Amino acid sequence: MAGYVQHKEDIIRRLRRIEGQVRGVQRMVDEDVYCIDVLTQVSAINAALQSTAVALLDEHLSCCVTEAIAAGGDQAKVKVGEASKAIARLIRT
């Protein structure tokens, strides 16, 4: 089960809002809107994606990783390793 299941609707709402922002940027480019205005919207999309990623990571840590640690064994190490790799990817972007 996904760790974000309790907040699934919030995550979907965020992603739909981002999808709308991306479509808006496509229209801006199609309409030859000033570059800086387009870049401002791209920056807003990046921030929204980062925020969504952090929310998903938080859910993963508070659910999946916590449960694996409580259960112990190799699964705990696997889940912590996954979280570490996800954090590393987020830091690089």
PDB file of N, CA and C in Angstrom:
ATOM      1  N   MET A   1       0.847  -1.179   0.000  1.00  0.00           N
ATOM      2  CA  MET A   1       0.000   0.000   0.000  1.00  0.00           C
ATOM      3  C   MET A   1       0.894   1.243   0.000  1.00  0.00           C
ATOM      4  N   ALA A   2       0.471   2.245  -0.733  1.00  0.00           N
ATOM      5  CA  ALA A   2       1.234   3.488  -0.822  1.00  0.00           C
ATOM      6  C   ALA A   2       1.120   4.262   0.488  1.00  0.00           C
ATOM      7  N   GLY A   3       2.206   4.887   0.898  1.00  0.00           N
ATOM      8  CA  GLY A   3       2.229   5.640   2.142  1.00  0.00           C
ATOM      9  C   GLY A   3       1.374   6.897   2.104  1.00  0.00           C
ATOM     10  N   TYR A   4       1.046   7.367   0.930  1.00  0.00           N
ATOM     11  CA  TYR A   4       0.288   8.609   0.795  1.00  0.00           C
ATOM     12  C   TYR A   4      -1.215   8.367   0.697  1.00  0.00           C
ATOM     13  N   VAL A   5      -1.663   7.137   0.913  1.00  0.00           N
ATOM     14  CA  VAL A   5      -3.059   6.778   0.675  1.00  0.00           C
ATOM     15  C   VAL A   5      -4.032   7.685   1.436  1.00  0.00           C
ATOM     16  N   GLN A   6      -3.693   8.110   2.643  1.00  0.00           N
ATOM     17  CA  GLN A   6      -4.585   8.975   3.417  1.00  0.00           C
ATOM     18  C   GLN A   6      -4.661  10.381   2.842  1.00  0.00           C
ATOM     19  N   HIS A   7      -3.662  10.783   2.090  1.00  0.00           N
ATOM     20  CA  HIS A   7      -3.616  12.126   1.513  1.00  0.00           C
ATOM     21  C   HIS A   7      -3.642  12.084  -0.018  1.00  0.00           C
ATOM     22  N   LYS A   8      -4.148  10.994  -0.553  1.00  0.00           N
ATOM     23  CA  LYS A   8      -4.150  10.785  -1.999  1.00  0.00           C
ATOM     24  C   LYS A   8      -4.881  11.901  -2.735  1.00  0.00           C
ATOM     25  N   GLU A   9      -6.031  12.305  -2.247  1.00  0.00           N
ATOM     26  CA  GLU A   9      -6.809  13.362  -2.907  1.00  0.00           C
ATOM     27  C   GLU A   9      -6.044  14.678  -2.922  1.00  0.00           C
ATOM     28  N   ASP A  10      -5.346  14.989  -1.842  1.00  0.00           N
ATOM     29  CA  ASP A  10      -4.539  16.213  -1.799  1.00  0.00           C
ATOM     30  C   ASP A  10      -3.421  16.154  -2.837  1.00  0.00           C
ATOM     31  N   ILE A  11      -2.762  15.021  -2.928  1.00  0.00           N
ATOM     32  CA  ILE A  11      -1.678  14.848  -3.907  1.00  0.00           C
ATOM     33  C   ILE A  11      -2.234  14.984  -5.324  1.00  0.00           C
ATOM     34  N   ILE A  12      -3.352  14.338  -5.593  1.00  0.00           N
ATOM     35  CA  ILE A  12      -3.969  14.420  -6.925  1.00  0.00           C
ATOM     36  C   ILE A  12      -4.374  15.862  -7.235  1.00  0.00           C
ATOM     37  N   ARG A  13      -4.925  16.562  -6.251  1.00  0.00           N
ATOM     38  CA  ARG A  13      -5.317  17.965  -6.443  1.00  0.00           C
ATOM     39  C   ARG A  13      -4.098  18.820  -6.794  1.00  0.00           C
ATOM     40  N   ARG A  14      -3.005  18.602  -6.090  1.00  0.00           N
ATOM     41  CA  ARG A  14      -1.766  19.333  -6.375  1.00  0.00           C
ATOM     42  C   ARG A  14      -1.288  19.060  -7.806  1.00  0.00           C
ATOM     43  N   LEU A  15      -1.299  17.785  -8.183  1.00  0.00           N
ATOM     44  CA  LEU A  15      -0.818  17.416  -9.516  1.00  0.00           C
ATOM     45  C   LEU A  15      -1.715  17.977 -10.615  1.00  0.00           C
ATOM     46  N   ARG A  16      -2.994  18.007 -10.374  1.00  0.00           N
ATOM     47  CA  ARG A  16      -3.898  18.596 -11.369  1.00  0.00           C
ATOM     48  C   ARG A  16      -3.671  20.091 -11.511  1.00  0.00           C
ATOM     49  N   ARG A  17      -3.392  20.756 -10.392  1.00  0.00           N
ATOM     50  CA  ARG A  17      -3.092  22.185 -10.441  1.00  0.00           C
ATOM     51  C   ARG A  17      -1.805  22.420 -11.244  1.00  0.00           C
ATOM     52  N   ILE A  18      -0.813  21.581 -11.013  1.00  0.00           N
ATOM     53  CA  ILE A  18       0.450  21.684 -11.756  1.00  0.00           C
ATOM     54  C   ILE A  18       0.211  21.425 -13.244  1.00  0.00           C
ATOM     55  N   GLU A  19      -0.606  20.434 -13.535  1.00  0.00           N
ATOM     56  CA  GLU A  19      -0.943  20.135 -14.932  1.00  0.00           C
ATOM     57  C   GLU A  19      -1.571  21.357 -15.605  1.00  0.00           C
ATOM     58  N   GLY A  20      -2.457  22.026 -14.892  1.00  0.00           N
ATOM     59  CA  GLY A  20      -3.075  23.241 -15.424  1.00  0.00           C
ATOM     60  C   GLY A  20      -2.057  24.342 -15.639  1.00  0.00           C
ATOM     61  N   GLN A  21      -1.103  24.458 -14.718  1.00  0.00           N
ATOM     62  CA  GLN A  21      -0.050  25.457 -14.874  1.00  0.00           C
ATOM     63  C   GLN A  21       0.785  25.169 -16.117  1.00  0.00           C
ATOM     64  N   VAL A  22       1.096  23.907 -16.346  1.00  0.00           N
ATOM     65  CA  VAL A  22       1.898  23.534 -17.516  1.00  0.00           C
ATOM     66  C   VAL A  22       1.135  23.862 -18.801  1.00  0.00           C
ATOM     67  N   ARG A  23      -0.154  23.555 -18.822  1.00  0.00           N
ATOM     68  CA  ARG A  23      -0.952  23.905 -20.000  1.00  0.00           C
ATOM     69  C   ARG A  23      -0.965  25.422 -20.202  1.00  0.00           C
ATOM     70  N   GLY A  24      -1.018  26.173 -19.103  1.00  0.00           N
ATOM     71  CA  GLY A  24      -0.978  27.626 -19.199  1.00  0.00           C
ATOM     72  C   GLY A  24       0.328  28.115 -19.804  1.00  0.00           C
ATOM     73  N   VAL A  25       1.427  27.496 -19.429  1.00  0.00           N
ATOM     74  CA  VAL A  25       2.727  27.876 -19.989  1.00  0.00           C
ATOM     75  C   VAL A  25       2.778  27.533 -21.479  1.00  0.00           C
ATOM     76  N   GLN A  26       2.206  26.401 -21.849  1.00  0.00           N
ATOM     77  CA  GLN A  26       2.153  26.058 -23.269  1.00  0.00           C
ATOM     78  C   GLN A  26       1.394  27.125 -24.050  1.00  0.00           C
ATOM     79  N   ARG A  27       0.282  27.586 -23.513  1.00  0.00           N
ATOM     80  CA  ARG A  27      -0.481  28.651 -24.172  1.00  0.00           C
ATOM     81  C   ARG A  27       0.334  29.934 -24.248  1.00  0.00           C
ATOM     82  N   MET A  28       1.051  30.239 -23.162  1.00  0.00           N
ATOM     83  CA  MET A  28       1.873  31.444 -23.157  1.00  0.00           C
ATOM     84  C   MET A  28       2.902  31.408 -24.279  1.00  0.00           C
ATOM     85  N   VAL A  29       3.565  30.264 -24.434  1.00  0.00           N
ATOM     86  CA  VAL A  29       4.574  30.128 -25.487  1.00  0.00           C
ATOM     87  C   VAL A  29       3.897  30.221 -26.848  1.00  0.00           C
ATOM     88  N   ASP A  30       2.758  29.559 -27.004  1.00  0.00           N
ATOM     89  CA  ASP A  30       2.028  29.605 -28.269  1.00  0.00           C
ATOM     90  C   ASP A  30       1.632  31.043 -28.621  1.00  0.00           C
ATOM     91  N   GLU A  31       1.341  31.837 -27.601  1.00  0.00           N
ATOM     92  CA  GLU A  31       0.916  33.223 -27.812  1.00  0.00           C
ATOM     93  C   GLU A  31       2.080  34.214 -27.783  1.00  0.00           C
ATOM     94  N   ASP A  32       3.309  33.703 -27.765  1.00  0.00           N
ATOM     95  CA  ASP A  32       4.518  34.530 -27.772  1.00  0.00           C
ATOM     96  C   ASP A  32       4.578  35.514 -26.612  1.00  0.00           C
ATOM     97  N   VAL A  33       4.238  35.044 -25.416  1.00  0.00           N
ATOM     98  CA  VAL A  33       4.307  35.879 -24.223  1.00  0.00           C
ATOM     99  C   VAL A  33       5.784  36.146 -23.900  1.00  0.00           C
ATOM    100  N   TYR A  34       6.040  37.286 -23.293  1.00  0.00           N
ATOM    101  CA  TYR A  34       7.396  37.724 -22.927  1.00  0.00           C
ATOM    102  C   TYR A  34       8.127  36.624 -22.145  1.00  0.00           C
ATOM    103  N   CYS A  35       9.376  36.383 -22.513  1.00  0.00           N
ATOM    104  CA  CYS A  35      10.188  35.288 -21.962  1.00  0.00           C
ATOM    105  C   CYS A  35      10.204  35.261 -20.435  1.00  0.00           C
ATOM    106  N   ILE A  36      10.412  36.405 -19.823  1.00  0.00           N
ATOM    107  CA  ILE A  36      10.516  36.463 -18.365  1.00  0.00           C
ATOM    108  C   ILE A  36       9.203  36.035 -17.709  1.00  0.00           C
ATOM    109  N   ASP A  37       8.094  36.381 -18.319  1.00  0.00           N
ATOM    110  CA  ASP A  37       6.802  35.965 -17.785  1.00  0.00           C
ATOM    111  C   ASP A  37       6.638  34.448 -17.858  1.00  0.00           C
ATOM    112  N   VAL A  38       7.100  33.854 -18.949  1.00  0.00           N
ATOM    113  CA  VAL A  38       7.051  32.401 -19.092  1.00  0.00           C
ATOM    114  C   VAL A  38       7.970  31.758 -18.055  1.00  0.00           C
ATOM    115  N   LEU A  39       9.174  32.290 -17.925  1.00  0.00           N
ATOM    116  CA  LEU A  39      10.121  31.740 -16.949  1.00  0.00           C
ATOM    117  C   LEU A  39       9.597  31.841 -15.519  1.00  0.00           C
ATOM    118  N   THR A  40       8.885  32.897 -15.216  1.00  0.00           N
ATOM    119  CA  THR A  40       8.291  33.052 -13.886  1.00  0.00           C
ATOM    120  C   THR A  40       7.303  31.923 -13.622  1.00  0.00           C
ATOM    121  N   GLN A  41       6.513  31.587 -14.624  1.00  0.00           N
ATOM    122  CA  GLN A  41       5.546  30.497 -14.473  1.00  0.00           C
ATOM    123  C   GLN A  41       6.243  29.140 -14.378  1.00  0.00           C
ATOM    124  N   VAL A  42       7.316  28.960 -15.134  1.00  0.00           N
ATOM    125  CA  VAL A  42       8.085  27.713 -15.049  1.00  0.00           C
ATOM    126  C   VAL A  42       8.661  27.568 -13.644  1.00  0.00           C
ATOM    127  N   SER A  43       9.147  28.646 -13.086  1.00  0.00           N
ATOM    128  CA  SER A  43       9.666  28.620 -11.722  1.00  0.00           C
ATOM    129  C   SER A  43       8.575  28.236 -10.720  1.00  0.00           C
ATOM    130  N   ALA A  44       7.371  28.760 -10.914  1.00  0.00           N
ATOM    131  CA  ALA A  44       6.251  28.421 -10.040  1.00  0.00           C
ATOM    132  C   ALA A  44       5.905  26.934 -10.145  1.00  0.00           C
ATOM    133  N   ILE A  45       5.975  26.392 -11.357  1.00  0.00           N
ATOM    134  CA  ILE A  45       5.709  24.967 -11.560  1.00  0.00           C
ATOM    135  C   ILE A  45       6.764  24.129 -10.846  1.00  0.00           C
ATOM    136  N   ASN A  46       8.021  24.523 -10.985  1.00  0.00           N
ATOM    137  CA  ASN A  46       9.099  23.804 -10.297  1.00  0.00           C
ATOM    138  C   ASN A  46       8.886  23.810  -8.791  1.00  0.00           C
ATOM    139  N   ALA A  47       8.508  24.953  -8.248  1.00  0.00           N
ATOM    140  CA  ALA A  47       8.268  25.050  -6.801  1.00  0.00           C
ATOM    141  C   ALA A  47       7.099  24.158  -6.386  1.00  0.00           C
ATOM    142  N   ALA A  48       6.054  24.126  -7.197  1.00  0.00           N
ATOM    143  CA  ALA A  48       4.897  23.280  -6.889  1.00  0.00           C
ATOM    144  C   ALA A  48       5.266  21.799  -6.944  1.00  0.00           C
ATOM    145  N   LEU A  49       6.077  21.423  -7.922  1.00  0.00           N
ATOM    146  CA  LEU A  49       6.533  20.036  -8.018  1.00  0.00           C
ATOM    147  C   LEU A  49       7.404  19.662  -6.819  1.00  0.00           C
ATOM    148  N   GLN A  50       8.293  20.560  -6.435  1.00  0.00           N
ATOM    149  CA  GLN A  50       9.148  20.308  -5.265  1.00  0.00           C
ATOM    150  C   GLN A  50       8.302  20.135  -4.011  1.00  0.00           C
ATOM    151  N   SER A  51       7.320  20.996  -3.849  1.00  0.00           N
ATOM    152  CA  SER A  51       6.439  20.912  -2.689  1.00  0.00           C
ATOM    153  C   SER A  51       5.691  19.582  -2.665  1.00  0.00           C
ATOM    154  N   THR A  52       5.231  19.146  -3.803  1.00  0.00           N
ATOM    155  CA  THR A  52       4.534  17.865  -3.900  1.00  0.00           C
ATOM    156  C   THR A  52       5.487  16.715  -3.588  1.00  0.00           C
ATOM    157  N   ALA A  53       6.695  16.802  -4.091  1.00  0.00           N
ATOM    158  CA  ALA A  53       7.690  15.761  -3.827  1.00  0.00           C
ATOM    159  C   ALA A  53       8.004  15.676  -2.336  1.00  0.00           C
ATOM    160  N   VAL A  54       8.132  16.812  -1.681  1.00  0.00           N
ATOM    161  CA  VAL A  54       8.408  16.826  -0.246  1.00  0.00           C
ATOM    162  C   VAL A  54       7.234  16.222   0.521  1.00  0.00           C
ATOM    163  N   ALA A  55       6.017  16.527   0.106  1.00  0.00           N
ATOM    164  CA  ALA A  55       4.838  15.946   0.755  1.00  0.00           C
ATOM    165  C   ALA A  55       4.833  14.423   0.600  1.00  0.00           C
ATOM    166  N   LEU A  56       5.153  13.938  -0.594  1.00  0.00           N
ATOM    167  CA  LEU A  56       5.221  12.492  -0.816  1.00  0.00           C
ATOM    168  C   LEU A  56       6.337  11.859   0.009  1.00  0.00           C
ATOM    169  N   LEU A  57       7.473  12.510   0.072  1.00  0.00           N
ATOM    170  CA  LEU A  57       8.590  12.006   0.875  1.00  0.00           C
ATOM    171  C   LEU A  57       8.206  11.947   2.349  1.00  0.00           C
ATOM    172  N   ASP A  58       7.539  12.987   2.826  1.00  0.00           N
ATOM    173  CA  ASP A  58       7.093  13.013   4.212  1.00  0.00           C
ATOM    174  C   ASP A  58       6.158  11.839   4.505  1.00  0.00           C
ATOM    175  N   GLU A  59       5.233  11.588   3.586  1.00  0.00           N
ATOM    176  CA  GLU A  59       4.318  10.453   3.747  1.00  0.00           C
ATOM    177  C   GLU A  59       5.092   9.138   3.758  1.00  0.00           C
ATOM    178  N   HIS A  60       6.073   9.022   2.886  1.00  0.00           N
ATOM    179  CA  HIS A  60       6.877   7.796   2.827  1.00  0.00           C
ATOM    180  C   HIS A  60       7.611   7.571   4.147  1.00  0.00           C
ATOM    181  N   LEU A  61       8.195   8.630   4.669  1.00  0.00           N
ATOM    182  CA  LEU A  61       8.933   8.500   5.922  1.00  0.00           C
ATOM    183  C   LEU A  61       8.015   8.174   7.100  1.00  0.00           C
ATOM    184  N   SER A  62       6.884   8.860   7.161  1.00  0.00           N
ATOM    185  CA  SER A  62       6.007   8.673   8.316  1.00  0.00           C
ATOM    186  C   SER A  62       5.201   7.377   8.256  1.00  0.00           C
ATOM    187  N   CYS A  63       5.102   6.788   7.091  1.00  0.00           N
ATOM    188  CA  CYS A  63       4.321   5.554   6.974  1.00  0.00           C
ATOM    189  C   CYS A  63       5.219   4.361   6.644  1.00  0.00           C
ATOM    190  N   CYS A  64       5.688   4.322   5.430  1.00  0.00           N
ATOM    191  CA  CYS A  64       6.435   3.153   4.943  1.00  0.00           C
ATOM    192  C   CYS A  64       7.714   2.891   5.747  1.00  0.00           C
ATOM    193  N   VAL A  65       8.507   3.929   5.930  1.00  0.00           N
ATOM    194  CA  VAL A  65       9.783   3.754   6.625  1.00  0.00           C
ATOM    195  C   VAL A  65       9.545   3.445   8.103  1.00  0.00           C
ATOM    196  N   THR A  66       8.629   4.172   8.722  1.00  0.00           N
ATOM    197  CA  THR A  66       8.332   3.955  10.141  1.00  0.00           C
ATOM    198  C   THR A  66       7.843   2.530  10.389  1.00  0.00           C
ATOM    199  N   GLU A  67       6.935   2.046   9.543  1.00  0.00           N
ATOM    200  CA  GLU A  67       6.434   0.677   9.692  1.00  0.00           C
ATOM    201  C   GLU A  67       7.546  -0.350   9.498  1.00  0.00           C
ATOM    202  N   ALA A  68       8.414  -0.113   8.526  1.00  0.00           N
ATOM    203  CA  ALA A  68       9.510  -1.053   8.272  1.00  0.00           C
ATOM    204  C   ALA A  68      10.487  -1.088   9.443  1.00  0.00           C
ATOM    205  N   ILE A  69      10.766   0.065  10.012  1.00  0.00           N
ATOM    206  CA  ILE A  69      11.681   0.113  11.160  1.00  0.00           C
ATOM    207  C   ILE A  69      11.053  -0.599  12.351  1.00  0.00           C
ATOM    208  N   ALA A  70       9.763  -0.376  12.570  1.00  0.00           N
ATOM    209  CA  ALA A  70       9.079  -1.040  13.678  1.00  0.00           C
ATOM    210  C   ALA A  70       9.094  -2.556  13.511  1.00  0.00           C
ATOM    211  N   ALA A  71       8.981  -3.018  12.262  1.00  0.00           N
ATOM    212  CA  ALA A  71       9.007  -4.457  11.991  1.00  0.00           C
ATOM    213  C   ALA A  71      10.417  -5.020  12.100  1.00  0.00           C
ATOM    214  N   GLY A  72      11.412  -4.160  11.835  1.00  0.00           N
ATOM    215  CA  GLY A  72      12.804  -4.588  11.918  1.00  0.00           C
ATOM    216  C   GLY A  72      13.233  -5.413  10.718  1.00  0.00           C
ATOM    217  N   GLY A  73      14.427  -5.932  10.815  1.00  0.00           N
ATOM    218  CA  GLY A  73      14.945  -6.796   9.757  1.00  0.00           C
ATOM    219  C   GLY A  73      15.481  -6.038   8.564  1.00  0.00           C
ATOM    220  N   ASP A  74      15.680  -6.782   7.478  1.00  0.00           N
ATOM    221  CA  ASP A  74      16.264  -6.234   6.259  1.00  0.00           C
ATOM    222  C   ASP A  74      15.363  -5.192   5.594  1.00  0.00           C
ATOM    223  N   GLN A  75      14.055  -5.350   5.748  1.00  0.00           N
ATOM    224  CA  GLN A  75      13.121  -4.419   5.115  1.00  0.00           C
ATOM    225  C   GLN A  75      13.343  -2.992   5.617  1.00  0.00           C
ATOM    226  N   ALA A  76      13.705  -2.841   6.876  1.00  0.00           N
ATOM    227  CA  ALA A  76      13.967  -1.510   7.430  1.00  0.00           C
ATOM    228  C   ALA A  76      15.129  -0.851   6.699  1.00  0.00           C
ATOM    229  N   LYS A  77      16.193  -1.597   6.484  1.00  0.00           N
ATOM    230  CA  LYS A  77      17.349  -1.064   5.771  1.00  0.00           C
ATOM    231  C   LYS A  77      16.990  -0.693   4.339  1.00  0.00           C
ATOM    232  N   VAL A  78      16.175  -1.515   3.694  1.00  0.00           N
ATOM    233  CA  VAL A  78      15.761  -1.256   2.322  1.00  0.00           C
ATOM    234  C   VAL A  78      14.974   0.059   2.256  1.00  0.00           C
ATOM    235  N   LYS A  79      14.008   0.227   3.154  1.00  0.00           N
ATOM    236  CA  LYS A  79      13.158   1.427   3.142  1.00  0.00           C
ATOM    237  C   LYS A  79      13.964   2.686   3.458  1.00  0.00           C
ATOM    238  N   VAL A  80      14.868   2.602   4.398  1.00  0.00           N
ATOM    239  CA  VAL A  80      15.722   3.758   4.714  1.00  0.00           C
ATOM    240  C   VAL A  80      16.613   4.081   3.519  1.00  0.00           C
ATOM    241  N   GLY A  81      17.140   3.062   2.875  1.00  0.00           N
ATOM    242  CA  GLY A  81      17.959   3.269   1.670  1.00  0.00           C
ATOM    243  C   GLY A  81      17.172   3.927   0.551  1.00  0.00           C
ATOM    244  N   GLU A  82      15.931   3.489   0.350  1.00  0.00           N
ATOM    245  CA  GLU A  82      15.072   4.113  -0.662  1.00  0.00           C
ATOM    246  C   GLU A  82      14.841   5.586  -0.354  1.00  0.00           C
ATOM    247  N   ALA A  83      14.573   5.862   0.916  1.00  0.00           N
ATOM    248  CA  ALA A  83      14.331   7.254   1.322  1.00  0.00           C
ATOM    249  C   ALA A  83      15.581   8.103   1.098  1.00  0.00           C
ATOM    250  N   SER A  84      16.735   7.568   1.438  1.00  0.00           N
ATOM    251  CA  SER A  84      17.987   8.301   1.240  1.00  0.00           C
ATOM    252  C   SER A  84      18.224   8.617  -0.229  1.00  0.00           C
ATOM    253  N   LYS A  85      17.958   7.648  -1.089  1.00  0.00           N
ATOM    254  CA  LYS A  85      18.127   7.870  -2.526  1.00  0.00           C
ATOM    255  C   LYS A  85      17.130   8.909  -3.044  1.00  0.00           C
ATOM    256  N   ALA A  86      15.897   8.856  -2.544  1.00  0.00           N
ATOM    257  CA  ALA A  86      14.887   9.836  -2.963  1.00  0.00           C
ATOM    258  C   ALA A  86      15.302  11.240  -2.536  1.00  0.00           C
ATOM    259  N   ILE A  87      15.817  11.362  -1.322  1.00  0.00           N
ATOM    260  CA  ILE A  87      16.281  12.664  -0.833  1.00  0.00           C
ATOM    261  C   ILE A  87      17.435  13.167  -1.704  1.00  0.00           C
ATOM    262  N   ALA A  88      18.351  12.278  -2.029  1.00  0.00           N
ATOM    263  CA  ALA A  88      19.495  12.649  -2.875  1.00  0.00           C
ATOM    264  C   ALA A  88      19.005  13.161  -4.241  1.00  0.00           C
ATOM    265  N   ARG A  89      17.989  12.491  -4.820  1.00  0.00           N
ATOM    266  CA  ARG A  89      17.443  12.947  -6.110  1.00  0.00           C
ATOM    267  C   ARG A  89      16.807  14.318  -5.966  1.00  0.00           C
ATOM    268  N   LEU A  90      16.094  14.532  -4.884  1.00  0.00           N
ATOM    269  CA  LEU A  90      15.445  15.831  -4.681  1.00  0.00           C
ATOM    270  C   LEU A  90      16.464  16.954  -4.498  1.00  0.00           C
ATOM    271  N   ILE A  91      17.531  16.653  -3.832  1.00  0.00           N
ATOM    272  CA  ILE A  91      18.566  17.667  -3.603  1.00  0.00           C
ATOM    273  C   ILE A  91      19.239  18.055  -4.918  1.00  0.00           C
ATOM    274  N   ARG A  92      19.409  17.100  -5.819  1.00  0.00           N
ATOM    275  CA  ARG A  92      20.070  17.351  -7.095  1.00  0.00           C
ATOM    276  C   ARG A  92      19.233  18.209  -8.044  1.00  0.00           C
ATOM    277  N   THR A  93      17.930  18.224  -7.853  1.00  0.00           N
ATOM    278  CA  THR A  93      17.073  18.959  -8.790  1.00  0.00           C
ATOM    279  C   THR A  93      16.863  20.384  -8.392  1.00  0.00           C
TER     280      THR A  93
END
